[in-house]
N, C-alpha and C. Protein backbone atom coordinates (compact mmCIF):
# COMPACT_ATOMS: atom_id res chain seq x y z
N MET A 1 139.39 134.47 184.24
CA MET A 1 140.44 134.80 185.22
C MET A 1 139.97 135.91 186.15
N SER A 2 140.26 135.75 187.41
CA SER A 2 139.84 136.73 188.41
C SER A 2 140.85 137.88 188.52
N ALA A 3 140.43 138.91 189.25
CA ALA A 3 141.33 140.04 189.49
C ALA A 3 142.58 139.59 190.25
N GLU A 4 142.39 138.64 191.14
CA GLU A 4 143.53 138.11 191.90
C GLU A 4 144.53 137.42 190.98
N ASP A 5 144.02 136.72 189.96
CA ASP A 5 144.90 136.06 189.00
C ASP A 5 145.71 137.09 188.21
N TRP A 6 145.05 138.15 187.78
CA TRP A 6 145.76 139.20 187.04
C TRP A 6 146.81 139.87 187.92
N LEU A 7 146.48 140.05 189.19
CA LEU A 7 147.43 140.65 190.12
C LEU A 7 148.67 139.75 190.26
N ALA A 8 148.45 138.44 190.32
CA ALA A 8 149.56 137.50 190.41
C ALA A 8 150.43 137.56 189.15
N LEU A 9 149.79 137.70 188.00
CA LEU A 9 150.54 137.78 186.74
C LEU A 9 151.40 139.04 186.68
N PHE A 10 150.81 140.17 187.08
CA PHE A 10 151.58 141.41 187.04
C PHE A 10 152.69 141.41 188.09
N SER A 11 152.45 140.76 189.21
CA SER A 11 153.50 140.61 190.21
C SER A 11 154.65 139.77 189.65
N GLY A 12 154.29 138.70 188.94
CA GLY A 12 155.32 137.88 188.29
C GLY A 12 156.05 138.64 187.22
N ALA A 13 155.34 139.52 186.49
CA ALA A 13 155.98 140.33 185.46
C ALA A 13 157.00 141.29 186.07
N LEU A 14 156.65 141.88 187.22
CA LEU A 14 157.59 142.77 187.90
C LEU A 14 158.84 142.01 188.35
N THR A 15 158.64 140.77 188.81
CA THR A 15 159.79 139.94 189.18
C THR A 15 160.66 139.66 187.97
N THR A 16 160.02 139.33 186.85
CA THR A 16 160.76 139.08 185.61
C THR A 16 161.58 140.31 185.21
N LEU A 17 160.96 141.48 185.26
CA LEU A 17 161.65 142.71 184.88
C LEU A 17 162.81 143.02 185.82
N ALA A 18 162.57 142.86 187.12
CA ALA A 18 163.61 143.18 188.10
C ALA A 18 164.81 142.26 187.97
N LEU A 19 164.56 140.97 187.84
CA LEU A 19 165.66 140.01 187.72
C LEU A 19 166.40 140.19 186.41
N SER A 20 165.66 140.43 185.33
CA SER A 20 166.29 140.64 184.03
C SER A 20 167.15 141.90 184.05
N ALA A 21 166.60 142.98 184.62
CA ALA A 21 167.34 144.23 184.68
C ALA A 21 168.62 144.08 185.49
N ALA A 22 168.53 143.35 186.61
CA ALA A 22 169.72 143.13 187.44
C ALA A 22 170.76 142.30 186.69
N GLY A 23 170.31 141.24 186.03
CA GLY A 23 171.24 140.40 185.27
C GLY A 23 171.91 141.16 184.14
N ILE A 24 171.13 142.01 183.46
CA ILE A 24 171.69 142.80 182.36
C ILE A 24 172.66 143.86 182.88
N ALA A 25 172.25 144.56 183.93
CA ALA A 25 173.08 145.64 184.49
C ALA A 25 174.42 145.12 184.99
N LEU A 26 174.45 143.91 185.51
CA LEU A 26 175.70 143.33 186.02
C LEU A 26 176.47 142.60 184.92
N GLY A 27 175.77 141.92 184.04
CA GLY A 27 176.44 141.13 183.01
C GLY A 27 177.04 141.94 181.89
N LEU A 28 176.45 143.11 181.60
CA LEU A 28 176.95 143.93 180.49
C LEU A 28 178.35 144.47 180.75
N PRO A 29 178.60 145.16 181.87
CA PRO A 29 179.97 145.64 182.12
C PRO A 29 180.95 144.51 182.41
N LEU A 30 180.47 143.43 183.04
CA LEU A 30 181.37 142.30 183.28
C LEU A 30 181.81 141.69 181.95
N GLY A 31 180.88 141.55 181.02
CA GLY A 31 181.23 141.04 179.71
C GLY A 31 182.23 141.93 179.00
N LEU A 32 182.06 143.24 179.13
CA LEU A 32 183.00 144.19 178.53
C LEU A 32 184.38 144.04 179.14
N GLY A 33 184.44 143.92 180.46
CA GLY A 33 185.74 143.74 181.12
C GLY A 33 186.43 142.47 180.68
N LEU A 34 185.69 141.39 180.56
CA LEU A 34 186.26 140.13 180.10
C LEU A 34 186.75 140.24 178.67
N ALA A 35 185.97 140.92 177.83
CA ALA A 35 186.36 141.09 176.43
C ALA A 35 187.65 141.91 176.32
N LEU A 36 187.78 142.94 177.15
CA LEU A 36 189.00 143.76 177.12
C LEU A 36 190.21 142.95 177.58
N LEU A 37 190.02 142.07 178.54
CA LEU A 37 191.12 141.22 179.00
C LEU A 37 191.58 140.29 177.89
N ARG A 38 190.62 139.71 177.17
CA ARG A 38 190.98 138.82 176.06
C ARG A 38 191.61 139.60 174.92
N TRP A 39 191.05 140.76 174.62
CA TRP A 39 191.56 141.59 173.52
C TRP A 39 192.96 142.09 173.81
N SER A 40 193.23 142.43 175.07
CA SER A 40 194.55 142.93 175.46
C SER A 40 195.57 141.80 175.58
N ARG A 41 195.08 140.56 175.55
CA ARG A 41 195.96 139.38 175.64
C ARG A 41 196.83 139.42 176.90
N VAL A 42 196.17 139.69 178.01
CA VAL A 42 196.88 139.71 179.29
C VAL A 42 197.37 138.30 179.59
N PRO A 43 198.67 138.11 179.84
CA PRO A 43 199.19 136.76 180.09
C PRO A 43 198.46 136.07 181.24
N VAL A 44 198.26 134.79 181.09
CA VAL A 44 197.61 133.93 182.09
C VAL A 44 196.12 134.25 182.21
N ILE A 45 195.79 135.54 182.39
CA ILE A 45 194.39 135.91 182.62
C ILE A 45 193.55 135.70 181.35
N ALA A 46 194.08 136.10 180.20
CA ALA A 46 193.32 135.98 178.95
C ALA A 46 192.92 134.53 178.65
N PRO A 47 193.84 133.57 178.77
CA PRO A 47 193.42 132.18 178.56
C PRO A 47 192.38 131.70 179.58
N MET A 48 192.50 132.18 180.82
CA MET A 48 191.51 131.81 181.84
C MET A 48 190.14 132.37 181.48
N VAL A 49 190.11 133.58 180.96
CA VAL A 49 188.85 134.19 180.54
C VAL A 49 188.25 133.40 179.39
N ALA A 50 189.10 132.96 178.46
CA ALA A 50 188.62 132.18 177.32
C ALA A 50 187.96 130.88 177.79
N VAL A 51 188.56 130.23 178.78
CA VAL A 51 187.98 129.00 179.33
C VAL A 51 186.67 129.30 180.03
N TYR A 52 186.65 130.37 180.82
CA TYR A 52 185.43 130.79 181.53
C TYR A 52 184.28 131.01 180.55
N VAL A 53 184.55 131.75 179.49
CA VAL A 53 183.52 132.07 178.50
C VAL A 53 183.04 130.81 177.80
N SER A 54 183.97 129.94 177.43
CA SER A 54 183.59 128.71 176.73
C SER A 54 182.72 127.82 177.61
N VAL A 55 183.09 127.69 178.87
CA VAL A 55 182.33 126.83 179.79
C VAL A 55 180.94 127.41 180.04
N LEU A 56 180.87 128.72 180.29
CA LEU A 56 179.58 129.35 180.58
C LEU A 56 178.66 129.32 179.38
N ARG A 57 179.20 129.51 178.19
CA ARG A 57 178.35 129.49 176.99
C ARG A 57 177.83 128.09 176.70
N ALA A 58 178.56 127.08 177.13
CA ALA A 58 178.15 125.69 176.89
C ALA A 58 177.23 125.16 177.99
N THR A 59 177.10 125.90 179.08
CA THR A 59 176.30 125.44 180.21
C THR A 59 174.89 126.01 180.15
N PRO A 60 173.86 125.18 180.11
CA PRO A 60 172.49 125.70 180.13
C PRO A 60 172.24 126.52 181.39
N LEU A 61 171.44 127.55 181.27
CA LEU A 61 171.17 128.43 182.40
C LEU A 61 170.60 127.66 183.58
N ILE A 62 169.70 126.74 183.33
CA ILE A 62 169.07 126.00 184.42
C ILE A 62 170.10 125.14 185.16
N THR A 63 171.06 124.57 184.43
CA THR A 63 172.12 123.79 185.07
C THR A 63 173.01 124.68 185.92
N LEU A 64 173.36 125.83 185.38
CA LEU A 64 174.18 126.80 186.12
C LEU A 64 173.47 127.24 187.38
N LEU A 65 172.17 127.51 187.27
CA LEU A 65 171.39 127.94 188.43
C LEU A 65 171.35 126.88 189.52
N LEU A 66 171.15 125.64 189.13
CA LEU A 66 171.11 124.56 190.12
C LEU A 66 172.46 124.36 190.79
N LEU A 67 173.53 124.53 190.04
CA LEU A 67 174.87 124.42 190.63
C LEU A 67 175.10 125.52 191.66
N ILE A 68 174.69 126.73 191.32
CA ILE A 68 174.86 127.84 192.24
C ILE A 68 174.03 127.64 193.51
N PHE A 69 172.79 127.22 193.31
CA PHE A 69 171.85 127.14 194.44
C PHE A 69 172.16 125.97 195.37
N PHE A 70 172.59 124.84 194.80
CA PHE A 70 172.77 123.64 195.62
C PHE A 70 174.24 123.33 195.94
N ALA A 71 175.16 123.80 195.10
CA ALA A 71 176.57 123.48 195.33
C ALA A 71 177.28 124.49 196.22
N LEU A 72 176.93 125.78 196.08
CA LEU A 72 177.62 126.80 196.87
C LEU A 72 177.45 126.63 198.38
N PRO A 73 176.28 126.18 198.87
CA PRO A 73 176.18 125.97 200.33
C PRO A 73 177.21 125.00 200.86
N GLY A 74 177.66 124.05 200.02
CA GLY A 74 178.71 123.13 200.45
C GLY A 74 180.03 123.82 200.65
N LEU A 75 180.19 125.02 200.04
CA LEU A 75 181.41 125.81 200.20
C LEU A 75 181.22 126.90 201.25
N GLY A 76 180.08 126.86 201.95
CA GLY A 76 179.82 127.86 202.97
C GLY A 76 179.16 129.11 202.47
N ILE A 77 178.71 129.11 201.20
CA ILE A 77 178.05 130.29 200.62
C ILE A 77 176.60 129.93 200.33
N THR A 78 175.70 130.51 201.06
CA THR A 78 174.27 130.22 200.88
C THR A 78 173.57 131.42 200.27
N LEU A 79 172.92 131.20 199.15
CA LEU A 79 172.20 132.26 198.45
C LEU A 79 170.72 131.91 198.39
N GLY A 80 169.89 132.92 198.52
CA GLY A 80 168.47 132.72 198.36
C GLY A 80 168.12 132.55 196.88
N PRO A 81 166.88 132.18 196.58
CA PRO A 81 166.48 131.97 195.19
C PRO A 81 166.70 133.19 194.30
N VAL A 82 166.36 134.37 194.79
CA VAL A 82 166.50 135.58 193.98
C VAL A 82 167.98 135.89 193.73
N SER A 83 168.80 135.83 194.77
CA SER A 83 170.23 136.10 194.62
C SER A 83 170.88 135.09 193.69
N ALA A 84 170.52 133.83 193.84
CA ALA A 84 171.07 132.79 192.97
C ALA A 84 170.63 133.02 191.53
N GLY A 85 169.38 133.44 191.34
CA GLY A 85 168.89 133.72 189.99
C GLY A 85 169.61 134.87 189.34
N VAL A 86 169.82 135.95 190.07
CA VAL A 86 170.53 137.11 189.53
C VAL A 86 171.97 136.73 189.18
N LEU A 87 172.62 135.97 190.06
CA LEU A 87 174.00 135.55 189.80
C LEU A 87 174.08 134.68 188.55
N ALA A 88 173.13 133.76 188.40
CA ALA A 88 173.13 132.89 187.22
C ALA A 88 172.91 133.71 185.94
N LEU A 89 171.97 134.64 185.98
CA LEU A 89 171.73 135.49 184.82
C LEU A 89 172.94 136.34 184.49
N MET A 90 173.60 136.86 185.52
CA MET A 90 174.78 137.70 185.30
C MET A 90 175.90 136.89 184.66
N LEU A 91 176.18 135.71 185.19
CA LEU A 91 177.27 134.89 184.66
C LEU A 91 176.97 134.44 183.23
N ASN A 92 175.74 134.01 183.01
CA ASN A 92 175.34 133.58 181.67
C ASN A 92 175.43 134.74 180.68
N GLY A 93 174.88 135.88 181.07
CA GLY A 93 174.90 137.03 180.18
C GLY A 93 176.29 137.55 179.92
N SER A 94 177.14 137.55 180.94
CA SER A 94 178.50 138.08 180.77
C SER A 94 179.30 137.28 179.75
N ALA A 95 179.10 135.96 179.72
CA ALA A 95 179.83 135.12 178.78
C ALA A 95 179.44 135.44 177.34
N PHE A 96 178.15 135.57 177.09
CA PHE A 96 177.70 135.88 175.73
C PHE A 96 178.01 137.33 175.36
N ASN A 97 177.86 138.24 176.32
CA ASN A 97 178.20 139.63 176.06
C ASN A 97 179.68 139.80 175.77
N CYS A 98 180.50 139.00 176.44
CA CYS A 98 181.94 139.06 176.20
C CYS A 98 182.27 138.81 174.74
N GLU A 99 181.65 137.80 174.16
CA GLU A 99 181.93 137.48 172.76
C GLU A 99 181.40 138.55 171.81
N ILE A 100 180.29 139.18 172.17
CA ILE A 100 179.76 140.27 171.34
C ILE A 100 180.71 141.46 171.37
N TRP A 101 181.13 141.83 172.58
CA TRP A 101 182.09 142.93 172.72
C TRP A 101 183.41 142.60 172.02
N ARG A 102 183.88 141.37 172.19
CA ARG A 102 185.17 140.99 171.62
C ARG A 102 185.15 141.02 170.10
N ALA A 103 184.02 140.61 169.51
CA ALA A 103 183.90 140.65 168.06
C ALA A 103 184.05 142.09 167.55
N ALA A 104 183.45 143.03 168.28
CA ALA A 104 183.58 144.44 167.89
C ALA A 104 185.02 144.93 168.08
N LEU A 105 185.66 144.48 169.14
CA LEU A 105 187.05 144.87 169.38
C LEU A 105 187.98 144.33 168.30
N MET A 106 187.72 143.12 167.85
CA MET A 106 188.57 142.51 166.82
C MET A 106 188.42 143.22 165.48
N ASP A 107 187.26 143.83 165.25
CA ASP A 107 187.03 144.55 163.99
C ASP A 107 187.54 145.99 164.04
N LEU A 108 187.95 146.43 165.21
CA LEU A 108 188.44 147.80 165.35
C LEU A 108 189.75 147.97 164.57
N PRO A 109 189.85 148.99 163.71
CA PRO A 109 191.09 149.20 162.94
C PRO A 109 192.30 149.37 163.85
N LYS A 110 193.32 148.58 163.61
CA LYS A 110 194.51 148.64 164.46
C LYS A 110 195.27 149.95 164.30
N ASP A 111 195.16 150.58 163.11
CA ASP A 111 195.91 151.82 162.91
C ASP A 111 195.44 152.93 163.84
N GLN A 112 194.17 152.87 164.25
CA GLN A 112 193.68 153.88 165.20
C GLN A 112 194.35 153.71 166.56
N ILE A 113 194.49 152.48 166.99
CA ILE A 113 195.15 152.22 168.27
C ILE A 113 196.62 152.61 168.20
N GLU A 114 197.26 152.24 167.10
CA GLU A 114 198.68 152.57 166.93
C GLU A 114 198.89 154.08 166.90
N ALA A 115 197.97 154.79 166.23
CA ALA A 115 198.07 156.25 166.18
C ALA A 115 197.91 156.86 167.56
N ALA A 116 196.96 156.34 168.33
CA ALA A 116 196.75 156.85 169.68
C ALA A 116 197.96 156.59 170.56
N GLN A 117 198.54 155.40 170.44
CA GLN A 117 199.71 155.08 171.25
C GLN A 117 200.92 155.91 170.84
N SER A 118 201.02 156.21 169.56
CA SER A 118 202.17 157.00 169.08
C SER A 118 202.12 158.43 169.58
N THR A 119 200.93 158.92 169.92
CA THR A 119 200.81 160.29 170.45
C THR A 119 200.96 160.33 171.97
N GLY A 120 201.17 159.16 172.56
CA GLY A 120 201.38 159.10 174.00
C GLY A 120 200.11 158.98 174.82
N MET A 121 199.00 158.67 174.18
CA MET A 121 197.75 158.51 174.93
C MET A 121 197.82 157.27 175.81
N ARG A 122 197.39 157.43 177.03
CA ARG A 122 197.35 156.29 177.95
C ARG A 122 196.20 155.36 177.57
N PHE A 123 196.30 154.12 178.08
CA PHE A 123 195.31 153.10 177.73
C PHE A 123 193.90 153.54 178.08
N GLY A 124 193.72 154.07 179.29
CA GLY A 124 192.39 154.48 179.70
C GLY A 124 191.82 155.59 178.85
N LEU A 125 192.68 156.50 178.38
CA LEU A 125 192.22 157.64 177.58
C LEU A 125 191.77 157.21 176.19
N TYR A 126 192.60 156.42 175.49
CA TYR A 126 192.17 156.03 174.14
C TYR A 126 191.08 154.96 174.20
N LEU A 127 191.00 154.27 175.31
CA LEU A 127 189.89 153.33 175.48
C LEU A 127 188.57 154.11 175.57
N ARG A 128 188.58 155.19 176.33
CA ARG A 128 187.37 155.98 176.53
C ARG A 128 187.00 156.81 175.30
N ARG A 129 187.99 157.36 174.62
CA ARG A 129 187.70 158.28 173.52
C ARG A 129 187.64 157.61 172.15
N ILE A 130 188.33 156.51 171.98
CA ILE A 130 188.42 155.89 170.65
C ILE A 130 187.73 154.54 170.60
N VAL A 131 188.08 153.67 171.56
CA VAL A 131 187.62 152.29 171.49
C VAL A 131 186.14 152.15 171.86
N LEU A 132 185.76 152.61 173.04
CA LEU A 132 184.41 152.37 173.54
C LEU A 132 183.31 152.97 172.65
N PRO A 133 183.46 154.22 172.17
CA PRO A 133 182.38 154.75 171.30
C PRO A 133 182.15 153.91 170.06
N GLN A 134 183.22 153.36 169.48
CA GLN A 134 183.07 152.59 168.25
C GLN A 134 182.50 151.19 168.51
N ILE A 135 183.01 150.52 169.54
CA ILE A 135 182.51 149.16 169.77
C ILE A 135 181.09 149.18 170.34
N ALA A 136 180.71 150.28 171.01
CA ALA A 136 179.34 150.38 171.50
C ALA A 136 178.36 150.41 170.34
N ARG A 137 178.71 151.16 169.29
CA ARG A 137 177.85 151.22 168.10
C ARG A 137 177.80 149.87 167.40
N ALA A 138 178.96 149.24 167.24
CA ALA A 138 179.01 147.97 166.52
C ALA A 138 178.33 146.84 167.28
N SER A 139 178.37 146.89 168.61
CA SER A 139 177.84 145.81 169.44
C SER A 139 176.36 145.95 169.75
N LEU A 140 175.78 147.11 169.46
CA LEU A 140 174.41 147.39 169.88
C LEU A 140 173.40 146.32 169.46
N PRO A 141 173.34 145.91 168.18
CA PRO A 141 172.33 144.90 167.80
C PRO A 141 172.49 143.58 168.56
N GLY A 142 173.73 143.11 168.67
CA GLY A 142 173.97 141.85 169.37
C GLY A 142 173.64 141.94 170.84
N LEU A 143 173.99 143.05 171.47
CA LEU A 143 173.73 143.22 172.89
C LEU A 143 172.23 143.31 173.18
N MET A 144 171.49 144.01 172.32
CA MET A 144 170.05 144.12 172.52
C MET A 144 169.37 142.77 172.32
N SER A 145 169.86 141.98 171.37
CA SER A 145 169.31 140.63 171.18
C SER A 145 169.58 139.76 172.39
N GLU A 146 170.76 139.90 172.97
CA GLU A 146 171.10 139.14 174.16
C GLU A 146 170.23 139.56 175.34
N MET A 147 169.92 140.84 175.43
CA MET A 147 169.03 141.31 176.50
C MET A 147 167.64 140.69 176.36
N SER A 148 167.13 140.66 175.12
CA SER A 148 165.82 140.06 174.88
C SER A 148 165.82 138.59 175.26
N LEU A 149 166.90 137.90 174.91
CA LEU A 149 167.01 136.48 175.23
C LEU A 149 167.06 136.26 176.74
N LEU A 150 167.76 137.13 177.43
CA LEU A 150 167.88 136.98 178.89
C LEU A 150 166.51 137.13 179.56
N ILE A 151 165.70 138.06 179.05
CA ILE A 151 164.36 138.22 179.60
C ILE A 151 163.56 136.95 179.43
N LYS A 152 163.71 136.31 178.26
CA LYS A 152 162.94 135.10 177.97
C LYS A 152 163.52 133.87 178.67
N LEU A 153 164.70 134.00 179.26
CA LEU A 153 165.28 132.88 180.01
C LEU A 153 164.88 132.87 181.48
N THR A 154 164.26 133.94 181.95
CA THR A 154 163.93 134.01 183.38
C THR A 154 163.00 132.91 183.87
N PRO A 155 162.14 132.30 183.03
CA PRO A 155 161.33 131.19 183.56
C PRO A 155 162.14 130.04 184.13
N ALA A 156 163.41 129.91 183.70
CA ALA A 156 164.26 128.84 184.24
C ALA A 156 164.48 129.01 185.74
N LEU A 157 164.32 130.22 186.26
CA LEU A 157 164.56 130.47 187.68
C LEU A 157 163.49 129.85 188.57
N ALA A 158 162.41 129.40 187.95
CA ALA A 158 161.33 128.78 188.73
C ALA A 158 161.78 127.50 189.42
N VAL A 159 162.85 126.86 188.93
CA VAL A 159 163.29 125.59 189.52
C VAL A 159 163.81 125.77 190.94
N VAL A 160 164.16 127.01 191.32
CA VAL A 160 164.62 127.25 192.70
C VAL A 160 163.58 128.04 193.49
N GLY A 161 162.38 128.16 192.94
CA GLY A 161 161.30 128.78 193.69
C GLY A 161 160.98 130.21 193.35
N VAL A 162 161.64 130.79 192.34
CA VAL A 162 161.33 132.16 191.94
C VAL A 162 160.02 132.17 191.16
N VAL A 163 159.09 133.01 191.56
CA VAL A 163 157.79 133.08 190.88
C VAL A 163 157.83 134.25 189.90
N ASP A 164 158.24 133.94 188.67
CA ASP A 164 158.25 134.95 187.63
C ASP A 164 156.92 134.92 186.89
N LEU A 165 156.85 135.59 185.75
CA LEU A 165 155.60 135.68 185.01
C LEU A 165 155.11 134.31 184.54
N THR A 166 155.99 133.53 183.96
CA THR A 166 155.59 132.21 183.47
C THR A 166 155.17 131.29 184.61
N ARG A 167 155.92 131.31 185.70
CA ARG A 167 155.59 130.47 186.84
C ARG A 167 154.23 130.86 187.43
N ALA A 168 153.96 132.15 187.48
CA ALA A 168 152.66 132.61 187.98
C ALA A 168 151.53 132.11 187.09
N ALA A 169 151.75 132.13 185.77
CA ALA A 169 150.72 131.65 184.85
C ALA A 169 150.48 130.15 185.02
N VAL A 170 151.55 129.40 185.21
CA VAL A 170 151.42 127.95 185.42
C VAL A 170 150.65 127.66 186.70
N ARG A 171 150.93 128.40 187.76
CA ARG A 171 150.22 128.20 189.02
C ARG A 171 148.73 128.48 188.87
N ILE A 172 148.42 129.57 188.17
CA ILE A 172 147.01 129.91 187.98
C ILE A 172 146.30 128.81 187.19
N GLY A 173 146.97 128.33 186.14
CA GLY A 173 146.39 127.25 185.34
C GLY A 173 146.16 125.98 186.14
N ALA A 174 147.09 125.70 187.05
CA ALA A 174 146.96 124.50 187.89
C ALA A 174 145.80 124.64 188.87
N ASN A 175 145.58 125.86 189.34
CA ASN A 175 144.49 126.08 190.30
C ASN A 175 143.12 126.10 189.63
N THR A 176 143.06 126.62 188.43
CA THR A 176 141.76 126.76 187.74
C THR A 176 141.48 125.60 186.79
N TYR A 177 142.47 124.75 186.55
CA TYR A 177 142.36 123.65 185.59
C TYR A 177 142.09 124.16 184.17
N GLU A 178 142.47 125.38 183.91
CA GLU A 178 142.37 125.98 182.59
C GLU A 178 143.70 126.67 182.29
N PRO A 179 144.68 125.92 181.80
CA PRO A 179 146.02 126.48 181.63
C PRO A 179 146.14 127.49 180.49
N LEU A 180 145.29 127.40 179.49
CA LEU A 180 145.45 128.26 178.32
C LEU A 180 145.24 129.75 178.60
N PRO A 181 144.17 130.17 179.27
CA PRO A 181 143.97 131.62 179.49
C PRO A 181 145.12 132.31 180.21
N PRO A 182 145.65 131.76 181.33
CA PRO A 182 146.76 132.47 181.98
C PRO A 182 148.04 132.48 181.15
N LEU A 183 148.26 131.41 180.37
CA LEU A 183 149.45 131.39 179.52
C LEU A 183 149.33 132.41 178.39
N MET A 184 148.14 132.54 177.83
CA MET A 184 147.93 133.55 176.80
C MET A 184 148.07 134.95 177.39
N ALA A 185 147.60 135.13 178.62
CA ALA A 185 147.75 136.42 179.29
C ALA A 185 149.22 136.73 179.54
N ALA A 186 149.97 135.70 179.94
CA ALA A 186 151.42 135.89 180.15
C ALA A 186 152.10 136.29 178.85
N LEU A 187 151.70 135.65 177.75
CA LEU A 187 152.26 136.00 176.44
C LEU A 187 151.95 137.45 176.10
N ALA A 188 150.73 137.88 176.39
CA ALA A 188 150.33 139.25 176.11
C ALA A 188 151.15 140.26 176.92
N ILE A 189 151.62 139.84 178.09
CA ILE A 189 152.45 140.72 178.92
C ILE A 189 153.90 140.69 178.44
N TYR A 190 154.38 139.51 178.02
CA TYR A 190 155.75 139.40 177.52
C TYR A 190 155.98 140.25 176.27
N LEU A 191 154.99 140.27 175.38
CA LEU A 191 155.17 140.94 174.10
C LEU A 191 155.58 142.42 174.24
N PRO A 192 154.87 143.23 175.04
CA PRO A 192 155.31 144.63 175.16
C PRO A 192 156.66 144.78 175.85
N ILE A 193 157.01 143.84 176.73
CA ILE A 193 158.31 143.92 177.39
C ILE A 193 159.43 143.76 176.37
N VAL A 194 159.33 142.72 175.55
CA VAL A 194 160.35 142.49 174.53
C VAL A 194 160.30 143.58 173.47
N TYR A 195 159.08 144.03 173.14
CA TYR A 195 158.94 145.09 172.14
C TYR A 195 159.63 146.37 172.62
N ALA A 196 159.58 146.65 173.92
CA ALA A 196 160.24 147.83 174.47
C ALA A 196 161.75 147.75 174.27
N VAL A 197 162.31 146.54 174.43
CA VAL A 197 163.75 146.37 174.21
C VAL A 197 164.10 146.61 172.74
N VAL A 198 163.31 146.02 171.84
CA VAL A 198 163.55 146.20 170.40
C VAL A 198 163.40 147.67 170.00
N SER A 199 162.38 148.32 170.54
CA SER A 199 162.15 149.75 170.23
C SER A 199 163.31 150.60 170.74
N SER A 200 163.87 150.23 171.88
CA SER A 200 165.02 150.96 172.42
C SER A 200 166.21 150.86 171.47
N GLN A 201 166.41 149.66 170.90
CA GLN A 201 167.49 149.48 169.94
C GLN A 201 167.28 150.38 168.73
N ARG A 202 166.06 150.41 168.20
CA ARG A 202 165.78 151.23 167.03
C ARG A 202 165.97 152.70 167.32
N TRP A 203 165.54 153.12 168.53
CA TRP A 203 165.71 154.53 168.91
C TRP A 203 167.18 154.89 169.00
N LEU A 204 167.97 154.02 169.61
CA LEU A 204 169.40 154.28 169.74
C LEU A 204 170.08 154.33 168.37
N GLU A 205 169.66 153.45 167.46
CA GLU A 205 170.25 153.45 166.13
C GLU A 205 169.88 154.73 165.37
N ARG A 206 168.63 155.17 165.50
CA ARG A 206 168.24 156.43 164.85
C ARG A 206 168.99 157.61 165.46
N ARG A 207 169.14 157.58 166.77
CA ARG A 207 169.88 158.63 167.46
C ARG A 207 171.33 158.67 167.01
N ARG A 208 171.91 157.50 166.86
CA ARG A 208 173.30 157.43 166.40
C ARG A 208 173.44 157.96 164.98
N ALA A 209 172.50 157.61 164.11
CA ALA A 209 172.53 158.08 162.74
C ALA A 209 172.37 159.60 162.68
N LEU A 210 171.51 160.14 163.54
CA LEU A 210 171.29 161.59 163.58
C LEU A 210 172.54 162.31 164.04
N LEU A 211 173.19 161.79 165.05
CA LEU A 211 174.42 162.42 165.55
C LEU A 211 175.53 162.35 164.51
N ALA A 212 175.60 161.22 163.79
CA ALA A 212 176.61 161.06 162.75
C ALA A 212 176.37 162.06 161.61
N ALA A 213 175.08 162.28 161.28
CA ALA A 213 174.76 163.23 160.20
C ALA A 213 175.10 164.67 160.61
N GLU A 214 174.85 164.98 161.89
CA GLU A 214 175.16 166.34 162.37
C GLU A 214 176.66 166.60 162.44
N ALA A 215 177.43 165.49 162.70
CA ALA A 215 178.88 165.65 162.75
C ALA A 215 179.46 165.86 161.37
């Protein structure tokens, strides 16, 4: 492999990281908001959220991406490959994140909420001081696993022309007629990326345990 090939791989890796980071940054809070709507059982809205989550979780990312990229222009909304990819990652991630957040919310002791309400705490206050700190700890493993999965789903964006790490490796293999070396190089680049996510989870868990011990 030439220096130009390695440059193409690292450029694809940066695209993978940027798109993944954008999808995670947008999908994580959106998933939390959806989970809170379902948990609060807001009339009309909660059932709509349940349908949204069920449909998105059942829809393959590549199908969702193609719908966004080719169907939205018919509604007067035209998105480029990168914007469509970020939107697809965000919607896909938000649906799965919603269920992770909601599972933690369902396990939250109801007596804590009742005690907070009995003291006159407003929803936003007990949400910030009681609910969020606890569900963040409980949801951490599931959320980090979902982040890792989202990173590994980015090759699906190649169908609309996004050149991520995997797509760059495939192109190099097609040009050199030796597909194995660039694919192995791509794997070598993916490993530290995913390892960084896993290491972040372990660091956060150790940090949480340390703070709990000090308290």
